[in-house]
Amino acid sequence: EARKNQKVVEIKEIKMRPGIDDHDFDVKARAMHRFFEEGDKVKVTLRFKGREMAHQEIGLDLLARVRDQFIEVAKVEMEPRLEGRQMTMVMSPRAS
């Protein structure tokens, strides 16, 4: 009975690009907020193309912006890490 009521934590993935526009970012942020409310973890993936690899600080700034926006509702489980041409960060909801 208790197992039936348990929530299986899923890892949802949000994909972005370094040059994401403000409105597009807001749409992704709303989706992330919904995932956190449902108790899911969120993996934020940043894809770099071409010369964007030379400007990885833009990607780090964007992930820092995500982290700062959700500081009350989520905590960083895995710090931003570069894997090939993409940078990933995993966040999980805070226990409320």
PDB file of N, CA and C in Angstrom:
ATOM      1  N   GLU A   1       0.827  -1.203   0.000  1.00  0.00           N
ATOM      2  CA  GLU A   1       0.000   0.000   0.000  1.00  0.00           C
ATOM      3  C   GLU A   1       0.866   1.259   0.000  1.00  0.00           C
ATOM      4  N   ALA A   2       1.905   1.276   0.836  1.00  0.00           N
ATOM      5  CA  ALA A   2       2.785   2.449   0.894  1.00  0.00           C
ATOM      6  C   ALA A   2       3.563   2.606  -0.407  1.00  0.00           C
ATOM      7  N   ARG A   3       3.939   1.463  -0.999  1.00  0.00           N
ATOM      8  CA  ARG A   3       4.692   1.544  -2.257  1.00  0.00           C
ATOM      9  C   ARG A   3       3.818   2.081  -3.387  1.00  0.00           C
ATOM     10  N   LYS A   4       2.534   1.801  -3.303  1.00  0.00           N
ATOM     11  CA  LYS A   4       1.619   2.263  -4.338  1.00  0.00           C
ATOM     12  C   LYS A   4       1.529   3.787  -4.360  1.00  0.00           C
ATOM     13  N   ASN A   5       1.669   4.410  -3.178  1.00  0.00           N
ATOM     14  CA  ASN A   5       1.553   5.860  -3.068  1.00  0.00           C
ATOM     15  C   ASN A   5       2.863   6.593  -3.288  1.00  0.00           C
ATOM     16  N   GLN A   6       3.979   5.861  -3.430  1.00  0.00           N
ATOM     17  CA  GLN A   6       5.273   6.510  -3.624  1.00  0.00           C
ATOM     18  C   GLN A   6       5.370   7.139  -5.003  1.00  0.00           C
ATOM     19  N   LYS A   7       6.103   8.243  -5.068  1.00  0.00           N
ATOM     20  CA  LYS A   7       6.340   8.926  -6.344  1.00  0.00           C
ATOM     21  C   LYS A   7       7.678   8.471  -6.897  1.00  0.00           C
ATOM     22  N   VAL A   8       7.686   8.006  -8.125  1.00  0.00           N
ATOM     23  CA  VAL A   8       8.934   7.635  -8.781  1.00  0.00           C
ATOM     24  C   VAL A   8       9.554   8.917  -9.318  1.00  0.00           C
ATOM     25  N   VAL A   9      10.759   9.239  -8.847  1.00  0.00           N
ATOM     26  CA  VAL A   9      11.427  10.472  -9.267  1.00  0.00           C
ATOM     27  C   VAL A   9      12.019  10.268 -10.654  1.00  0.00           C
ATOM     28  N   GLU A  10      11.586  11.094 -11.583  1.00  0.00           N
ATOM     29  CA  GLU A  10      12.116  11.036 -12.941  1.00  0.00           C
ATOM     30  C   GLU A  10      13.117  12.163 -13.123  1.00  0.00           C
ATOM     31  N   ILE A  11      14.004  11.986 -14.102  1.00  0.00           N
ATOM     32  CA  ILE A  11      14.908  13.075 -14.471  1.00  0.00           C
ATOM     33  C   ILE A  11      14.393  13.645 -15.786  1.00  0.00           C
ATOM     34  N   LYS A  12      13.894  14.869 -15.713  1.00  0.00           N
ATOM     35  CA  LYS A  12      13.407  15.561 -16.905  1.00  0.00           C
ATOM     36  C   LYS A  12      14.567  16.360 -17.489  1.00  0.00           C
ATOM     37  N   GLU A  13      14.625  16.450 -18.809  1.00  0.00           N
ATOM     38  CA  GLU A  13      15.723  17.185 -19.439  1.00  0.00           C
ATOM     39  C   GLU A  13      15.193  18.423 -20.139  1.00  0.00           C
ATOM     40  N   ILE A  14      15.868  19.544 -19.899  1.00  0.00           N
ATOM     41  CA  ILE A  14      15.556  20.802 -20.571  1.00  0.00           C
ATOM     42  C   ILE A  14      16.772  21.140 -21.425  1.00  0.00           C
ATOM     43  N   LYS A  15      16.559  21.313 -22.723  1.00  0.00           N
ATOM     44  CA  LYS A  15      17.667  21.617 -23.632  1.00  0.00           C
ATOM     45  C   LYS A  15      17.630  23.091 -24.019  1.00  0.00           C
ATOM     46  N   MET A  16      18.797  23.716 -24.006  1.00  0.00           N
ATOM     47  CA  MET A  16      18.917  25.131 -24.371  1.00  0.00           C
ATOM     48  C   MET A  16      20.146  25.330 -25.237  1.00  0.00           C
ATOM     49  N   ARG A  17      20.235  26.528 -25.812  1.00  0.00           N
ATOM     50  CA  ARG A  17      21.424  26.963 -26.530  1.00  0.00           C
ATOM     51  C   ARG A  17      21.957  28.203 -25.821  1.00  0.00           C
ATOM     52  N   PRO A  18      23.252  28.497 -25.946  1.00  0.00           N
ATOM     53  CA  PRO A  18      23.818  29.659 -25.242  1.00  0.00           C
ATOM     54  C   PRO A  18      23.158  30.988 -25.606  1.00  0.00           C
ATOM     55  N   GLY A  19      22.701  31.141 -26.832  1.00  0.00           N
ATOM     56  CA  GLY A  19      22.107  32.407 -27.253  1.00  0.00           C
ATOM     57  C   GLY A  19      20.605  32.451 -27.100  1.00  0.00           C
ATOM     58  N   ILE A  20      20.058  31.752 -26.109  1.00  0.00           N
ATOM     59  CA  ILE A  20      18.603  31.673 -25.942  1.00  0.00           C
ATOM     60  C   ILE A  20      18.027  33.061 -25.640  1.00  0.00           C
ATOM     61  N   ASP A  21      16.874  33.340 -26.225  1.00  0.00           N
ATOM     62  CA  ASP A  21      16.217  34.630 -26.038  1.00  0.00           C
ATOM     63  C   ASP A  21      15.474  34.642 -24.696  1.00  0.00           C
ATOM     64  N   ASP A  22      15.150  35.824 -24.207  1.00  0.00           N
ATOM     65  CA  ASP A  22      14.519  35.961 -22.890  1.00  0.00           C
ATOM     66  C   ASP A  22      13.183  35.225 -22.798  1.00  0.00           C
ATOM     67  N   HIS A  23      12.339  35.384 -23.809  1.00  0.00           N
ATOM     68  CA  HIS A  23      11.026  34.742 -23.756  1.00  0.00           C
ATOM     69  C   HIS A  23      11.161  33.226 -23.803  1.00  0.00           C
ATOM     70  N   ASP A  24      12.052  32.740 -24.658  1.00  0.00           N
ATOM     71  CA  ASP A  24      12.268  31.297 -24.740  1.00  0.00           C
ATOM     72  C   ASP A  24      12.779  30.757 -23.401  1.00  0.00           C
ATOM     73  N   PHE A  25      13.661  31.519 -22.764  1.00  0.00           N
ATOM     74  CA  PHE A  25      14.173  31.127 -21.447  1.00  0.00           C
ATOM     75  C   PHE A  25      13.033  31.059 -20.434  1.00  0.00           C
ATOM     76  N   ASP A  26      12.131  32.041 -20.486  1.00  0.00           N
ATOM     77  CA  ASP A  26      11.004  32.067 -19.552  1.00  0.00           C
ATOM     78  C   ASP A  26      10.094  30.856 -19.736  1.00  0.00           C
ATOM     79  N   VAL A  27       9.882  30.450 -20.990  1.00  0.00           N
ATOM     80  CA  VAL A  27       9.049  29.279 -21.266  1.00  0.00           C
ATOM     81  C   VAL A  27       9.705  28.028 -20.674  1.00  0.00           C
ATOM     82  N   LYS A  28      11.006  27.877 -20.883  1.00  0.00           N
ATOM     83  CA  LYS A  28      11.742  26.730 -20.326  1.00  0.00           C
ATOM     84  C   LYS A  28      11.720  26.779 -18.792  1.00  0.00           C
ATOM     85  N   ALA A  29      11.841  27.984 -18.222  1.00  0.00           N
ATOM     86  CA  ALA A  29      11.849  28.137 -16.768  1.00  0.00           C
ATOM     87  C   ALA A  29      10.499  27.729 -16.174  1.00  0.00           C
ATOM     88  N   ARG A  30       9.406  28.065 -16.859  1.00  0.00           N
ATOM     89  CA  ARG A  30       8.082  27.661 -16.372  1.00  0.00           C
ATOM     90  C   ARG A  30       7.957  26.139 -16.363  1.00  0.00           C
ATOM     91  N   ALA A  31       8.475  25.498 -17.409  1.00  0.00           N
ATOM     92  CA  ALA A  31       8.434  24.034 -17.472  1.00  0.00           C
ATOM     93  C   ALA A  31       9.261  23.431 -16.335  1.00  0.00           C
ATOM     94  N   MET A  32      10.435  24.015 -16.083  1.00  0.00           N
ATOM     95  CA  MET A  32      11.282  23.520 -14.996  1.00  0.00           C
ATOM     96  C   MET A  32      10.576  23.674 -13.651  1.00  0.00           C
ATOM     97  N   HIS A  33       9.905  24.796 -13.456  1.00  0.00           N
ATOM     98  CA  HIS A  33       9.196  25.044 -12.198  1.00  0.00           C
ATOM     99  C   HIS A  33       8.114  23.983 -11.992  1.00  0.00           C
ATOM    100  N   ARG A  34       7.405  23.648 -13.061  1.00  0.00           N
ATOM    101  CA  ARG A  34       6.366  22.618 -12.985  1.00  0.00           C
ATOM    102  C   ARG A  34       6.982  21.260 -12.611  1.00  0.00           C
ATOM    103  N   PHE A  35       8.146  20.946 -13.210  1.00  0.00           N
ATOM    104  CA  PHE A  35       8.814  19.677 -12.897  1.00  0.00           C
ATOM    105  C   PHE A  35       9.210  19.618 -11.423  1.00  0.00           C
ATOM    106  N   PHE A  36       9.741  20.743 -10.904  1.00  0.00           N
ATOM    107  CA  PHE A  36      10.139  20.770  -9.493  1.00  0.00           C
ATOM    108  C   PHE A  36       8.927  20.594  -8.583  1.00  0.00           C
ATOM    109  N   GLU A  37       7.795  21.206  -8.950  1.00  0.00           N
ATOM    110  CA  GLU A  37       6.584  21.065  -8.141  1.00  0.00           C
ATOM    111  C   GLU A  37       6.088  19.625  -8.127  1.00  0.00           C
ATOM    112  N   GLU A  38       6.314  18.910  -9.238  1.00  0.00           N
ATOM    113  CA  GLU A  38       5.895  17.507  -9.316  1.00  0.00           C
ATOM    114  C   GLU A  38       6.894  16.581  -8.631  1.00  0.00           C
ATOM    115  N   GLY A  39       8.018  17.146  -8.163  1.00  0.00           N
ATOM    116  CA  GLY A  39       9.001  16.347  -7.443  1.00  0.00           C
ATOM    117  C   GLY A  39      10.051  15.691  -8.313  1.00  0.00           C
ATOM    118  N   ASP A  40      10.159  16.120  -9.565  1.00  0.00           N
ATOM    119  CA  ASP A  40      11.135  15.522 -10.477  1.00  0.00           C
ATOM    120  C   ASP A  40      12.448  16.292 -10.470  1.00  0.00           C
ATOM    121  N   LYS A  41      13.526  15.584 -10.803  1.00  0.00           N
ATOM    122  CA  LYS A  41      14.817  16.240 -10.986  1.00  0.00           C
ATOM    123  C   LYS A  41      14.853  16.805 -12.400  1.00  0.00           C
ATOM    124  N   VAL A  42      15.676  17.828 -12.604  1.00  0.00           N
ATOM    125  CA  VAL A  42      15.788  18.445 -13.927  1.00  0.00           C
ATOM    126  C   VAL A  42      17.250  18.476 -14.340  1.00  0.00           C
ATOM    127  N   LYS A  43      17.507  17.975 -15.544  1.00  0.00           N
ATOM    128  CA  LYS A  43      18.848  18.025 -16.123  1.00  0.00           C
ATOM    129  C   LYS A  43      18.822  19.122 -17.186  1.00  0.00           C
ATOM    130  N   VAL A  44      19.596  20.174 -16.963  1.00  0.00           N
ATOM    131  CA  VAL A  44      19.654  21.287 -17.911  1.00  0.00           C
ATOM    132  C   VAL A  44      20.838  21.033 -18.838  1.00  0.00           C
ATOM    133  N   THR A  45      20.556  20.901 -20.128  1.00  0.00           N
ATOM    134  CA  THR A  45      21.595  20.617 -21.114  1.00  0.00           C
ATOM    135  C   THR A  45      21.755  21.819 -22.030  1.00  0.00           C
ATOM    136  N   LEU A  46      22.984  22.256 -22.176  1.00  0.00           N
ATOM    137  CA  LEU A  46      23.320  23.397 -23.022  1.00  0.00           C
ATOM    138  C   LEU A  46      24.147  22.887 -24.192  1.00  0.00           C
ATOM    139  N   ARG A  47      23.631  23.026 -25.420  1.00  0.00           N
ATOM    140  CA  ARG A  47      24.347  22.531 -26.595  1.00  0.00           C
ATOM    141  C   ARG A  47      25.119  23.661 -27.247  1.00  0.00           C
ATOM    142  N   PHE A  48      26.395  23.408 -27.510  1.00  0.00           N
ATOM    143  CA  PHE A  48      27.246  24.383 -28.190  1.00  0.00           C
ATOM    144  C   PHE A  48      27.429  23.958 -29.642  1.00  0.00           C
ATOM    145  N   LYS A  49      27.369  24.933 -30.546  1.00  0.00           N
ATOM    146  CA  LYS A  49      27.614  24.664 -31.961  1.00  0.00           C
ATOM    147  C   LYS A  49      28.725  25.578 -32.453  1.00  0.00           C
ATOM    148  N   GLY A  50      29.548  25.071 -33.329  1.00  0.00           N
ATOM    149  CA  GLY A  50      30.567  25.884 -33.993  1.00  0.00           C
ATOM    150  C   GLY A  50      31.448  26.672 -33.056  1.00  0.00           C
ATOM    151  N   ARG A  51      31.505  27.970 -33.271  1.00  0.00           N
ATOM    152  CA  ARG A  51      32.394  28.831 -32.492  1.00  0.00           C
ATOM    153  C   ARG A  51      31.901  29.122 -31.087  1.00  0.00           C
ATOM    154  N   GLU A  52      30.696  28.670 -30.771  1.00  0.00           N
ATOM    155  CA  GLU A  52      30.193  28.874 -29.410  1.00  0.00           C
ATOM    156  C   GLU A  52      31.087  28.178 -28.380  1.00  0.00           C
ATOM    157  N   MET A  53      31.815  27.155 -28.817  1.00  0.00           N
ATOM    158  CA  MET A  53      32.717  26.437 -27.907  1.00  0.00           C
ATOM    159  C   MET A  53      33.801  27.365 -27.360  1.00  0.00           C
ATOM    160  N   ALA A  54      34.138  28.407 -28.120  1.00  0.00           N
ATOM    161  CA  ALA A  54      35.167  29.350 -27.676  1.00  0.00           C
ATOM    162  C   ALA A  54      34.634  30.294 -26.596  1.00  0.00           C
ATOM    163  N   HIS A  55      33.315  30.328 -26.434  1.00  0.00           N
ATOM    164  CA  HIS A  55      32.697  31.238 -25.457  1.00  0.00           C
ATOM    165  C   HIS A  55      31.881  30.448 -24.442  1.00  0.00           C
ATOM    166  N   GLN A  56      32.539  29.537 -23.746  1.00  0.00           N
ATOM    167  CA  GLN A  56      31.842  28.695 -22.780  1.00  0.00           C
ATOM    168  C   GLN A  56      31.375  29.484 -21.563  1.00  0.00           C
ATOM    169  N   GLU A  57      31.973  30.660 -21.339  1.00  0.00           N
ATOM    170  CA  GLU A  57      31.549  31.468 -20.186  1.00  0.00           C
ATOM    171  C   GLU A  57      30.101  31.925 -20.346  1.00  0.00           C
ATOM    172  N   ILE A  58      29.642  32.080 -21.597  1.00  0.00           N
ATOM    173  CA  ILE A  58      28.239  32.438 -21.830  1.00  0.00           C
ATOM    174  C   ILE A  58      27.341  31.310 -21.322  1.00  0.00           C
ATOM    175  N   GLY A  59      27.751  30.084 -21.582  1.00  0.00           N
ATOM    176  CA  GLY A  59      27.005  28.927 -21.097  1.00  0.00           C
ATOM    177  C   GLY A  59      26.992  28.851 -19.582  1.00  0.00           C
ATOM    178  N   LEU A  60      28.149  29.109 -18.969  1.00  0.00           N
ATOM    179  CA  LEU A  60      28.224  29.091 -17.502  1.00  0.00           C
ATOM    180  C   LEU A  60      27.339  30.173 -16.895  1.00  0.00           C
ATOM    181  N   ASP A  61      27.319  31.351 -17.537  1.00  0.00           N
ATOM    182  CA  ASP A  61      26.461  32.440 -17.054  1.00  0.00           C
ATOM    183  C   ASP A  61      24.984  32.051 -17.131  1.00  0.00           C
ATOM    184  N   LEU A  62      24.612  31.370 -18.224  1.00  0.00           N
ATOM    185  CA  LEU A  62      23.222  30.957 -18.398  1.00  0.00           C
ATOM    186  C   LEU A  62      22.825  29.931 -17.335  1.00  0.00           C
ATOM    187  N   LEU A  63      23.703  28.972 -17.067  1.00  0.00           N
ATOM    188  CA  LEU A  63      23.401  27.973 -16.041  1.00  0.00           C
ATOM    189  C   LEU A  63      23.369  28.605 -14.648  1.00  0.00           C
ATOM    190  N   ALA A  64      24.207  29.623 -14.431  1.00  0.00           N
ATOM    191  CA  ALA A  64      24.170  30.345 -13.154  1.00  0.00           C
ATOM    192  C   ALA A  64      22.844  31.094 -13.018  1.00  0.00           C
ATOM    193  N   ARG A  65      22.348  31.616 -14.133  1.00  0.00           N
ATOM    194  CA  ARG A  65      21.052  32.309 -14.130  1.00  0.00           C
ATOM    195  C   ARG A  65      19.927  31.337 -13.766  1.00  0.00           C
ATOM    196  N   VAL A  66      19.999  30.125 -14.320  1.00  0.00           N
ATOM    197  CA  VAL A  66      19.005  29.093 -13.986  1.00  0.00           C
ATOM    198  C   VAL A  66      19.083  28.765 -12.497  1.00  0.00           C
ATOM    199  N   ARG A  67      20.308  28.561 -12.001  1.00  0.00           N
ATOM    200  CA  ARG A  67      20.502  28.212 -10.589  1.00  0.00           C
ATOM    201  C   ARG A  67      19.954  29.305  -9.674  1.00  0.00           C
ATOM    202  N   ASP A  68      20.254  30.570  -9.999  1.00  0.00           N
ATOM    203  CA  ASP A  68      19.806  31.688  -9.168  1.00  0.00           C
ATOM    204  C   ASP A  68      18.287  31.843  -9.181  1.00  0.00           C
ATOM    205  N   GLN A  69      17.668  31.538 -10.329  1.00  0.00           N
ATOM    206  CA  GLN A  69      16.219  31.696 -10.434  1.00  0.00           C
ATOM    207  C   GLN A  69      15.473  30.667  -9.572  1.00  0.00           C
ATOM    208  N   PHE A  70      16.071  29.476  -9.410  1.00  0.00           N
ATOM    209  CA  PHE A  70      15.382  28.403  -8.683  1.00  0.00           C
ATOM    210  C   PHE A  70      16.021  28.096  -7.335  1.00  0.00           C
ATOM    211  N   ILE A  71      16.749  29.054  -6.773  1.00  0.00           N
ATOM    212  CA  ILE A  71      17.485  28.820  -5.523  1.00  0.00           C
ATOM    213  C   ILE A  71      16.552  28.445  -4.369  1.00  0.00           C
ATOM    214  N   GLU A  72      15.303  28.959  -4.355  1.00  0.00           N
ATOM    215  CA  GLU A  72      14.374  28.656  -3.265  1.00  0.00           C
ATOM    216  C   GLU A  72      13.736  27.280  -3.402  1.00  0.00           C
ATOM    217  N   VAL A  73      13.470  26.854  -4.636  1.00  0.00           N
ATOM    218  CA  VAL A  73      12.716  25.610  -4.821  1.00  0.00           C
ATOM    219  C   VAL A  73      13.581  24.407  -5.171  1.00  0.00           C
ATOM    220  N   ALA A  74      14.840  24.637  -5.584  1.00  0.00           N
ATOM    221  CA  ALA A  74      15.682  23.514  -6.014  1.00  0.00           C
ATOM    222  C   ALA A  74      17.126  23.729  -5.596  1.00  0.00           C
ATOM    223  N   LYS A  75      17.849  22.612  -5.515  1.00  0.00           N
ATOM    224  CA  LYS A  75      19.278  22.690  -5.204  1.00  0.00           C
ATOM    225  C   LYS A  75      20.062  22.010  -6.325  1.00  0.00           C
ATOM    226  N   VAL A  76      21.298  22.447  -6.512  1.00  0.00           N
ATOM    227  CA  VAL A  76      22.143  21.878  -7.560  1.00  0.00           C
ATOM    228  C   VAL A  76      22.689  20.548  -7.058  1.00  0.00           C
ATOM    229  N   GLU A  77      22.393  19.506  -7.796  1.00  0.00           N
ATOM    230  CA  GLU A  77      22.865  18.178  -7.422  1.00  0.00           C
ATOM    231  C   GLU A  77      24.186  17.864  -8.113  1.00  0.00           C
ATOM    232  N   MET A  78      24.318  18.334  -9.358  1.00  0.00           N
ATOM    233  CA  MET A  78      25.566  18.155 -10.098  1.00  0.00           C
ATOM    234  C   MET A  78      25.944  19.501 -10.697  1.00  0.00           C
ATOM    235  N   GLU A  79      27.099  20.015 -10.326  1.00  0.00           N
ATOM    236  CA  GLU A  79      27.568  21.308 -10.833  1.00  0.00           C
ATOM    237  C   GLU A  79      27.719  21.250 -12.355  1.00  0.00           C
ATOM    238  N   PRO A  80      27.688  22.418 -13.036  1.00  0.00           N
ATOM    239  CA  PRO A  80      27.855  22.429 -14.492  1.00  0.00           C
ATOM    240  C   PRO A  80      29.147  21.735 -14.910  1.00  0.00           C
ATOM    241  N   ARG A  81      29.025  20.839 -15.885  1.00  0.00           N
ATOM    242  CA  ARG A  81      30.166  20.064 -16.352  1.00  0.00           C
ATOM    243  C   ARG A  81      30.119  19.967 -17.872  1.00  0.00           C
ATOM    244  N   LEU A  82      31.263  20.149 -18.511  1.00  0.00           N
ATOM    245  CA  LEU A  82      31.341  20.088 -19.970  1.00  0.00           C
ATOM    246  C   LEU A  82      31.595  18.655 -20.397  1.00  0.00           C
ATOM    247  N   GLU A  83      30.724  18.145 -21.255  1.00  0.00           N
ATOM    248  CA  GLU A  83      30.874  16.799 -21.802  1.00  0.00           C
ATOM    249  C   GLU A  83      30.808  16.918 -23.313  1.00  0.00           C
ATOM    250  N   GLY A  84      31.960  16.928 -23.944  1.00  0.00           N
ATOM    251  CA  GLY A  84      31.990  17.083 -25.395  1.00  0.00           C
ATOM    252  C   GLY A  84      31.540  18.477 -25.791  1.00  0.00           C
ATOM    253  N   ARG A  85      30.472  18.560 -26.575  1.00  0.00           N
ATOM    254  CA  ARG A  85      29.955  19.852 -27.030  1.00  0.00           C
ATOM    255  C   ARG A  85      28.760  20.319 -26.214  1.00  0.00           C
ATOM    256  N   GLN A  86      28.491  19.666 -25.102  1.00  0.00           N
ATOM    257  CA  GLN A  86      27.371  20.114 -24.276  1.00  0.00           C
ATOM    258  C   GLN A  86      27.768  20.237 -22.816  1.00  0.00           C
ATOM    259  N   MET A  87      27.105  21.166 -22.143  1.00  0.00           N
ATOM    260  CA  MET A  87      27.340  21.419 -20.730  1.00  0.00           C
ATOM    261  C   MET A  87      26.068  21.017 -19.992  1.00  0.00           C
ATOM    262  N   THR A  88      26.220  20.251 -18.923  1.00  0.00           N
ATOM    263  CA  THR A  88      25.044  19.777 -18.202  1.00  0.00           C
ATOM    264  C   THR A  88      25.115  20.143 -16.724  1.00  0.00           C
ATOM    265  N   MET A  89      23.932  20.298 -16.144  1.00  0.00           N
ATOM    266  CA  MET A  89      23.792  20.562 -14.717  1.00  0.00           C
ATOM    267  C   MET A  89      22.500  19.874 -14.266  1.00  0.00           C
ATOM    268  N   VAL A  90      22.547  19.197 -13.121  1.00  0.00           N
ATOM    269  CA  VAL A  90      21.362  18.509 -12.608  1.00  0.00           C
ATOM    270  C   VAL A  90      20.904  19.215 -11.338  1.00  0.00           C
ATOM    271  N   MET A  91      19.600  19.493 -11.277  1.00  0.00           N
ATOM    272  CA  MET A  91      19.010  20.127 -10.098  1.00  0.00           C
ATOM    273  C   MET A  91      17.891  19.236  -9.569  1.00  0.00           C
ATOM    274  N   SER A  92      17.727  19.230  -8.248  1.00  0.00           N
ATOM    275  CA  SER A  92      16.648  18.450  -7.650  1.00  0.00           C
ATOM    276  C   SER A  92      15.827  19.356  -6.733  1.00  0.00           C
ATOM    277  N   PRO A  93      14.537  19.047  -6.587  1.00  0.00           N
ATOM    278  CA  PRO A  93      13.684  19.904  -5.749  1.00  0.00           C
ATOM    279  C   PRO A  93      14.078  19.815  -4.280  1.00  0.00           C
ATOM    280  N   ARG A  94      13.947  20.935  -3.590  1.00  0.00           N
ATOM    281  CA  ARG A  94      14.210  20.951  -2.144  1.00  0.00           C
ATOM    282  C   ARG A  94      13.018  20.320  -1.431  1.00  0.00           C
ATOM    283  N   ALA A  95      13.294  19.619  -0.335  1.00  0.00           N
ATOM    284  CA  ALA A  95      12.211  19.042   0.466  1.00  0.00           C
ATOM    285  C   ALA A  95      11.446  20.180   1.132  1.00  0.00           C
ATOM    286  N   SER A  96      10.136  20.176   0.948  1.00  0.00           N
ATOM    287  CA  SER A  96       9.347  21.272   1.516  1.00  0.00           C
ATOM    288  C   SER A  96       8.525  20.828   2.695  1.00  0.00           C
TER     289      SER A  96
END
